[in-house]
Amino acid sequence: MIEPLIVDMHLDLAWDAIFWNRDLTLPVKKVRSQEQSEPPQVAPDYNVGHCTVTFPEMRRGYVGLMLSTIMSRIDARRNWMRDGMRTQEQAAAMGRGHLAYYQLMARRGEIKPVKTVDDIDEAVVAWQNPTPQTPIYHILSMESADPILDPDDVAFWWDAGLRAVGPAHFGDNTYIHGTGTEGGLKPPAKALYQAMQQAGMILDITHMADQAVWESLEIWNGAVFASHCTCRSIVKGQRHLTDDMIKEIIRRDGVIGLVFCQWFIDPQITWENRPSSYIPKKKMEDLVPHIEHIADLAGGSFDNIAIGTDMDGGFGAELTPIDVDTIADLQLLSGVLTEHGYDDEVITGIMHANALKFFKNALRN
């Protein structure tokens, strides 16, 4: 029997709530109704799309544990969504605003922070028989390390609950080169990494430029994962993982979160040349080639595969797999995988068990 619990390793919920002004305590239908009359359009000619993730919808889909991001960065180029800040201090202030949002949602009882192995065990037990009041448990993560002002600031963030850090995002920032750029680590990165390792944080290589991945892994001895990535050998583009990167994550007992976005599963699209208009045609079953490829690189093991949907992370229902309208539809994935011949153990691993094992080991160590 497959337990319904789902772990989603990447959701930008504070960014959704603050940048797009979404009340995530409402049902998805209510948010969509609000935005029909007043679309949350911040950047010219950019629309985030139809909402897919709110707390009620997560409960309906048994998404009981997530990685919730602090997502703020500097970006002198004024990126396509116009959410980059001009200085690191501004990015840090925005990041602390995201932290405050999660703290307020915890105060309300919507979510509950996970900081230890015991907290993970509590989440699993709570979601075996959830009620409408059961909180969604969350491990605090960070996408772009700009909000960490310097190595001394790591202690503040650790005490606040931050457990996983992806130093990179779009462009280059204080510490590293990321998606759309070429380069490696910047001079401040080494001291930051040392402080992160000493604290016990987990490294997320998602969004790193290729050179930055290998320079990071050369000096990082702690736990490593890729929260939301797919395979570059299937879908071309720098944003995705090369086979060598996947092999290194596997060698280090890490996990890779499958992204529920057309741009990550349609081989006809390259990341650098994403079309301005696009008719979605891929379903959840189109994640299967990525699952098979990662397993092949792992010698037939499916233990390194997890879920990192990135839903509402800059795209909406228009770009999710066509059989996914909201995050609650993740429950349909088990049936899709069963139809493709996977047994209950493999499916349970992908849905939650692989991620749970990884984070328990990482936090324990």
Protein backbone atom coordinates (compact mmCIF):
# COMPACT_ATOMS: atom_id res chain seq x y z
CA MET A 1 0.00 0.00 0.00
CA ILE A 2 1.29 3.46 -0.93
CA GLU A 3 0.99 6.01 1.86
CA PRO A 4 -0.42 9.30 0.52
CA LEU A 5 2.16 11.63 2.11
CA ILE A 6 4.03 13.79 -0.40
CA VAL A 7 7.24 15.72 0.21
CA ASP A 8 7.78 18.68 -2.12
CA MET A 9 11.38 19.89 -1.98
CA HIS A 10 10.82 23.32 -3.52
CA LEU A 11 7.98 25.81 -3.05
CA ASP A 12 8.43 29.60 -3.12
CA LEU A 13 5.46 30.31 -0.89
CA ALA A 14 6.66 33.47 0.86
CA TRP A 15 7.59 34.95 -2.51
CA ASP A 16 4.14 34.04 -3.84
CA ALA A 17 2.44 35.65 -0.86
CA ILE A 18 4.50 38.85 -0.75
CA PHE A 19 5.62 39.50 -4.33
CA TRP A 20 2.38 38.37 -5.99
CA ASN A 21 0.13 39.41 -3.08
CA ARG A 22 -1.55 36.04 -2.73
CA ASP A 23 -3.44 34.96 0.37
CA LEU A 24 -2.29 31.35 0.60
CA THR A 25 -4.76 30.56 3.37
CA LEU A 26 -7.56 30.64 0.78
CA PRO A 27 -8.66 27.85 -1.57
CA VAL A 28 -7.06 27.99 -5.01
CA LYS A 29 -10.42 28.75 -6.62
CA LYS A 30 -10.79 31.85 -4.45
CA VAL A 31 -7.31 33.12 -5.33
CA ARG A 32 -7.98 32.57 -9.02
CA SER A 33 -11.26 34.44 -8.73
CA GLN A 34 -9.50 37.40 -7.09
CA GLU A 35 -6.82 37.47 -9.76
CA GLN A 36 -9.30 37.26 -12.61
CA SER A 37 -10.41 40.79 -11.78
CA GLU A 38 -6.99 42.00 -10.62
CA PRO A 39 -4.08 40.03 -12.14
CA PRO A 40 -0.85 40.10 -10.09
CA GLN A 41 1.27 41.59 -12.87
CA VAL A 42 4.39 43.26 -11.52
CA ALA A 43 6.74 43.21 -14.50
CA PRO A 44 5.70 44.55 -17.92
CA ASP A 45 4.32 41.83 -20.17
CA TYR A 46 4.81 39.15 -17.51
CA ASN A 47 1.97 37.30 -15.84
CA VAL A 48 2.57 34.63 -13.24
CA GLY A 49 -0.36 32.51 -14.45
CA HIS A 50 -3.15 30.74 -12.61
CA CYS A 51 -2.47 29.91 -8.96
CA THR A 52 -1.81 26.23 -8.21
CA VAL A 53 -0.62 26.21 -4.58
CA THR A 54 -2.31 27.28 -1.35
CA PHE A 55 -2.32 25.71 2.09
CA PRO A 56 -5.83 24.21 1.72
CA GLU A 57 -4.84 22.71 -1.63
CA MET A 58 -1.68 21.23 -0.14
CA ARG A 59 -3.73 19.59 2.59
CA ARG A 60 -6.15 18.21 0.02
CA GLY A 61 -3.21 16.65 -1.80
CA TYR A 62 -1.46 15.34 1.35
CA VAL A 63 1.59 17.51 0.68
CA GLY A 64 2.46 17.38 4.36
CA LEU A 65 6.14 18.31 4.24
CA MET A 66 7.83 20.87 2.03
CA LEU A 67 10.98 22.89 1.63
CA SER A 68 9.82 26.50 1.83
CA THR A 69 12.16 29.06 0.36
CA ILE A 70 13.61 32.37 1.35
CA MET A 71 13.94 33.75 -2.18
CA SER A 72 15.58 37.16 -2.58
CA ARG A 73 18.59 38.19 -4.62
CA ILE A 74 20.57 41.05 -6.01
CA ASP A 75 20.29 41.53 -9.75
CA ALA A 76 21.86 44.60 -11.32
CA ARG A 77 20.48 43.53 -14.71
CA ARG A 78 16.89 43.98 -13.48
CA ASN A 79 15.77 40.52 -14.47
CA TRP A 80 12.68 39.46 -16.38
CA MET A 81 10.42 39.36 -13.30
CA ARG A 82 11.77 42.62 -11.83
CA ASP A 83 12.20 41.06 -8.39
CA GLY A 84 15.96 41.50 -8.07
CA MET A 85 17.33 43.99 -5.54
CA ARG A 86 20.10 46.55 -6.11
CA THR A 87 22.07 45.85 -2.94
CA GLN A 88 22.74 42.86 -0.73
CA GLU A 89 21.27 44.68 2.25
CA GLN A 90 18.00 45.12 0.36
CA ALA A 91 18.02 41.43 -0.52
CA ALA A 92 18.67 40.56 3.13
CA ALA A 93 15.75 42.74 4.22
CA MET A 94 13.49 41.03 1.70
CA GLY A 95 14.71 37.63 2.87
CA ARG A 96 13.90 38.46 6.48
CA GLY A 97 10.46 39.52 5.30
CA HIS A 98 9.99 36.04 3.84
CA LEU A 99 11.13 34.56 7.14
CA ALA A 100 8.57 36.73 8.97
CA TYR A 101 5.83 35.44 6.66
CA TYR A 102 6.58 31.83 7.56
CA GLN A 103 6.72 32.71 11.25
CA LEU A 104 3.31 34.37 11.01
CA MET A 105 1.84 31.38 9.16
CA ALA A 106 3.24 29.12 11.88
CA ARG A 107 1.65 31.36 14.52
CA ARG A 108 -1.64 30.91 12.70
CA GLY A 109 -1.20 27.12 12.67
CA GLU A 110 -0.98 26.74 8.89
CA ILE A 111 2.59 25.45 8.93
CA LYS A 112 5.12 24.13 11.45
CA PRO A 113 8.90 24.43 11.18
CA VAL A 114 11.13 21.37 10.93
CA LYS A 115 14.60 21.80 12.40
CA THR A 116 15.53 18.32 13.67
CA VAL A 117 15.15 14.63 12.91
CA ASP A 118 12.51 14.41 15.64
CA ASP A 119 10.51 17.10 13.84
CA ILE A 120 10.54 15.02 10.66
CA ASP A 121 9.32 11.99 12.59
CA GLU A 122 6.56 14.13 14.09
CA ALA A 123 5.49 15.26 10.62
CA VAL A 124 5.26 11.69 9.35
CA VAL A 125 3.11 10.63 12.30
CA ALA A 126 0.87 13.69 12.02
CA TRP A 127 0.18 13.03 8.35
CA GLN A 128 -0.74 9.39 8.84
CA ASN A 129 -4.12 10.56 10.13
CA PRO A 130 -4.36 14.28 9.36
CA THR A 131 -7.23 16.57 10.26
CA PRO A 132 -8.17 19.90 8.65
CA GLN A 133 -6.10 21.51 11.42
CA THR A 134 -2.94 19.48 10.84
CA PRO A 135 -0.13 21.89 9.96
CA ILE A 136 1.99 21.53 6.87
CA TYR A 137 5.51 20.90 8.08
CA HIS A 138 8.30 22.85 6.41
CA ILE A 139 12.07 22.78 6.24
CA LEU A 140 13.30 26.32 5.66
CA SER A 141 15.54 26.66 2.61
CA MET A 142 17.07 29.54 0.68
CA GLU A 143 17.29 30.15 -3.06
CA SER A 144 20.17 32.59 -3.65
CA ALA A 145 22.39 33.17 -0.64
CA ASP A 146 22.34 36.96 -0.89
CA PRO A 147 20.21 37.34 2.28
CA ILE A 148 23.14 35.85 4.25
CA LEU A 149 25.21 39.01 4.58
CA ASP A 150 28.47 37.29 5.57
CA PRO A 151 29.71 34.16 7.38
CA ASP A 152 28.83 35.67 10.77
CA ASP A 153 25.20 35.97 9.60
CA VAL A 154 24.93 32.18 9.18
CA ALA A 155 24.29 31.80 12.91
CA PHE A 156 21.24 34.07 12.72
CA TRP A 157 19.77 32.06 9.88
CA TRP A 158 20.51 28.70 11.49
CA ASP A 159 18.80 29.79 14.69
CA ALA A 160 15.86 30.99 12.58
CA GLY A 161 15.50 27.46 11.19
CA LEU A 162 17.37 27.64 7.88
CA ARG A 163 18.65 24.17 7.04
CA ALA A 164 19.24 24.10 3.25
CA VAL A 165 20.86 26.74 1.05
CA GLY A 166 20.99 26.98 -2.72
CA PRO A 167 23.61 29.73 -3.15
CA ALA A 168 22.62 30.45 -6.76
CA HIS A 169 19.55 31.60 -8.67
CA PHE A 170 19.17 33.48 -11.96
CA GLY A 171 22.21 35.57 -12.87
CA ASP A 172 25.23 36.03 -10.66
CA ASN A 173 25.08 37.24 -7.10
CA THR A 174 27.32 38.03 -4.15
CA TYR A 175 28.73 34.52 -3.93
CA ILE A 176 28.31 32.58 -7.16
CA HIS A 177 27.41 32.42 -10.85
CA GLY A 178 23.97 31.00 -11.56
CA THR A 179 21.53 30.27 -14.38
CA GLY A 180 22.22 32.25 -17.54
CA THR A 181 25.83 33.07 -16.65
CA GLU A 182 29.23 31.42 -16.98
CA GLY A 183 31.62 31.27 -14.07
CA GLY A 184 32.30 29.76 -10.70
CA LEU A 185 32.46 30.82 -7.08
CA LYS A 186 33.21 34.41 -6.14
CA PRO A 187 35.78 35.30 -3.45
CA PRO A 188 33.28 35.51 -0.53
CA ALA A 189 31.89 32.03 -1.21
CA LYS A 190 34.57 29.91 0.44
CA ALA A 191 34.17 31.52 3.87
CA LEU A 192 30.39 31.31 3.54
CA TYR A 193 30.59 27.60 2.74
CA GLN A 194 32.85 26.99 5.74
CA ALA A 195 30.36 28.69 8.05
CA MET A 196 27.44 26.80 6.50
CA GLN A 197 29.22 23.46 6.93
CA GLN A 198 30.14 24.22 10.53
CA ALA A 199 26.50 25.04 11.26
CA GLY A 200 25.28 21.82 9.63
CA MET A 201 23.49 23.25 6.60
CA ILE A 202 22.69 21.29 3.44
CA LEU A 203 23.92 22.45 0.00
CA ASP A 204 21.50 22.71 -2.93
CA ILE A 205 23.31 22.89 -6.30
CA THR A 206 20.19 23.90 -8.24
CA HIS A 207 20.66 26.96 -10.49
CA MET A 208 24.47 26.88 -10.28
CA ALA A 209 26.46 27.53 -13.45
CA ASP A 210 28.44 24.44 -14.44
CA GLN A 211 31.80 25.72 -13.23
CA ALA A 212 30.19 26.80 -9.97
CA VAL A 213 28.81 23.29 -9.39
CA TRP A 214 32.22 21.68 -9.57
CA GLU A 215 34.00 24.38 -7.60
CA SER A 216 31.34 24.04 -4.91
CA LEU A 217 31.59 20.26 -4.73
CA GLU A 218 35.37 20.45 -4.55
CA ILE A 219 35.23 22.25 -1.20
CA TRP A 220 31.89 21.05 0.21
CA ASN A 221 31.97 17.96 2.43
CA GLY A 222 28.42 18.05 3.78
CA ALA A 223 25.09 16.82 2.42
CA VAL A 224 24.27 17.75 -1.20
CA PHE A 225 21.06 17.64 -3.23
CA ALA A 226 19.30 19.30 -6.17
CA SER A 227 15.92 20.53 -4.98
CA HIS A 228 14.32 21.10 -8.39
CA CYS A 229 16.08 19.87 -11.53
CA THR A 230 15.74 17.46 -14.42
CA CYS A 231 18.18 15.86 -16.87
CA ARG A 232 20.12 17.88 -19.44
CA SER A 233 20.60 14.80 -21.60
CA ILE A 234 16.81 14.81 -22.18
CA VAL A 235 15.96 18.53 -22.10
CA LYS A 236 18.81 20.74 -23.28
CA GLY A 237 19.97 23.81 -21.44
CA GLN A 238 22.25 24.99 -18.66
CA ARG A 239 19.44 25.01 -16.09
CA HIS A 240 19.33 21.19 -16.02
CA LEU A 241 21.78 18.64 -14.58
CA THR A 242 24.46 16.94 -16.65
CA ASP A 243 25.00 13.21 -16.24
CA ASP A 244 28.23 13.85 -14.33
CA MET A 245 26.39 16.13 -11.90
CA ILE A 246 23.70 13.50 -11.37
CA LYS A 247 26.34 10.82 -10.77
CA GLU A 248 28.05 13.00 -8.18
CA ILE A 249 24.78 13.62 -6.32
CA ILE A 250 24.18 9.86 -6.36
CA ARG A 251 27.72 9.18 -5.12
CA ARG A 252 27.09 11.50 -2.19
CA ASP A 253 23.71 9.89 -1.40
CA GLY A 254 21.80 13.02 -2.40
CA VAL A 255 18.38 13.37 -4.00
CA ILE A 256 17.05 15.17 -7.07
CA GLY A 257 13.60 16.78 -7.10
CA LEU A 258 11.55 16.40 -10.29
CA VAL A 259 10.16 19.72 -11.56
CA PHE A 260 6.51 19.89 -12.62
CA CYS A 261 6.95 22.43 -15.42
CA GLN A 262 6.67 21.97 -19.18
CA TRP A 263 10.02 23.66 -19.73
CA PHE A 264 11.72 20.90 -17.73
CA ILE A 265 10.05 17.90 -19.38
CA ASP A 266 9.53 18.87 -23.03
CA PRO A 267 12.60 17.91 -25.10
CA GLN A 268 11.50 20.31 -27.84
CA ILE A 269 12.31 23.27 -25.57
CA THR A 270 15.77 24.50 -24.67
CA TRP A 271 16.03 26.56 -21.50
CA GLU A 272 17.85 29.39 -23.26
CA ASN A 273 15.18 29.62 -25.98
CA ARG A 274 11.90 29.23 -24.11
CA PRO A 275 9.01 30.33 -26.34
CA SER A 276 6.99 33.43 -25.45
CA SER A 277 3.82 31.55 -26.39
CA TYR A 278 3.49 27.85 -25.76
CA ILE A 279 0.74 25.25 -25.90
CA PRO A 280 1.36 22.72 -23.10
CA LYS A 281 1.32 19.11 -24.26
CA LYS A 282 3.31 17.09 -21.73
CA LYS A 283 1.79 15.07 -18.89
CA MET A 284 3.17 13.70 -15.63
CA GLU A 285 4.13 10.52 -17.47
CA ASP A 286 6.68 12.59 -19.36
CA LEU A 287 8.69 12.73 -16.16
CA VAL A 288 9.27 8.98 -16.53
CA PRO A 289 12.23 9.34 -18.94
CA HIS A 290 13.95 11.51 -16.32
CA ILE A 291 13.17 8.95 -13.61
CA GLU A 292 14.56 6.15 -15.76
CA HIS A 293 17.66 8.11 -16.71
CA ILE A 294 18.55 8.97 -13.12
CA ALA A 295 17.96 5.36 -12.08
CA ASP A 296 20.16 4.10 -14.92
CA LEU A 297 22.97 6.38 -13.76
CA ALA A 298 22.44 4.98 -10.25
CA GLY A 299 22.86 1.40 -11.42
CA GLY A 300 19.14 0.67 -11.42
CA SER A 301 18.36 2.27 -8.05
CA PHE A 302 15.49 4.75 -7.68
CA ASP A 303 16.64 5.91 -4.24
CA ASN A 304 17.90 9.31 -5.40
CA ILE A 305 14.66 10.52 -7.00
CA ALA A 306 12.20 12.81 -5.24
CA ILE A 307 9.77 15.66 -5.99
CA GLY A 308 10.58 19.37 -6.21
CA THR A 309 7.69 20.79 -8.19
CA ASP A 310 8.56 24.53 -8.10
CA MET A 311 4.85 25.08 -8.74
CA ASP A 312 3.89 28.78 -8.66
CA GLY A 313 7.59 29.56 -8.74
CA GLY A 314 7.24 32.02 -11.60
CA PHE A 315 4.77 29.96 -13.61
CA GLY A 316 1.21 28.81 -13.05
CA ALA A 317 -1.22 26.13 -14.19
CA GLU A 318 -0.56 27.10 -17.80
CA LEU A 319 2.89 25.45 -17.62
CA THR A 320 2.34 22.52 -15.27
CA PRO A 321 1.84 19.06 -16.82
CA ILE A 322 -1.58 19.12 -18.47
CA ASP A 323 -2.93 16.58 -15.97
CA VAL A 324 -1.91 18.82 -13.04
CA ASP A 325 -4.27 21.70 -12.31
CA THR A 326 -3.25 22.27 -8.68
CA ILE A 327 -0.74 20.81 -6.27
CA ALA A 328 -3.42 18.42 -5.00
CA ASP A 329 -3.10 16.56 -8.31
CA LEU A 330 0.32 15.28 -7.25
CA GLN A 331 -1.63 12.42 -5.71
CA LEU A 332 -2.29 11.22 -9.26
CA LEU A 333 1.42 10.58 -9.77
CA SER A 334 1.31 7.26 -7.93
CA GLY A 335 -1.28 5.96 -10.39
CA VAL A 336 0.76 7.21 -13.35
CA LEU A 337 3.85 5.43 -12.05
CA THR A 338 1.88 2.25 -11.35
CA GLU A 339 0.70 2.25 -14.97
CA HIS A 340 4.34 2.42 -16.03
CA GLY A 341 5.17 -0.69 -14.05
CA TYR A 342 6.76 0.71 -10.91
CA ASP A 343 6.15 -1.16 -7.67
CA ASP A 344 4.91 0.35 -4.41
CA GLU A 345 8.39 0.62 -2.91
CA VAL A 346 9.73 2.71 -5.80
CA ILE A 347 6.63 4.92 -5.88
CA THR A 348 6.70 5.47 -2.12
CA GLY A 349 10.35 6.43 -2.43
CA ILE A 350 9.69 9.05 -5.07
CA MET A 351 6.60 10.44 -3.33
CA HIS A 352 8.23 10.90 0.08
CA ALA A 353 10.53 8.18 1.44
CA ASN A 354 13.71 9.13 -0.45
CA ALA A 355 13.47 12.76 0.60
CA LEU A 356 12.67 11.83 4.20
CA LYS A 357 15.69 9.53 4.38
CA PHE A 358 17.98 12.16 2.89
CA PHE A 359 16.94 14.95 5.22
CA LYS A 360 16.96 12.74 8.30
CA ASN A 361 20.50 11.63 7.50
CA ALA A 362 21.60 15.19 6.73
CA LEU A 363 20.14 16.65 9.92
CA ARG A 364 21.38 13.74 12.02
CA ASN A 365 24.93 14.19 10.78
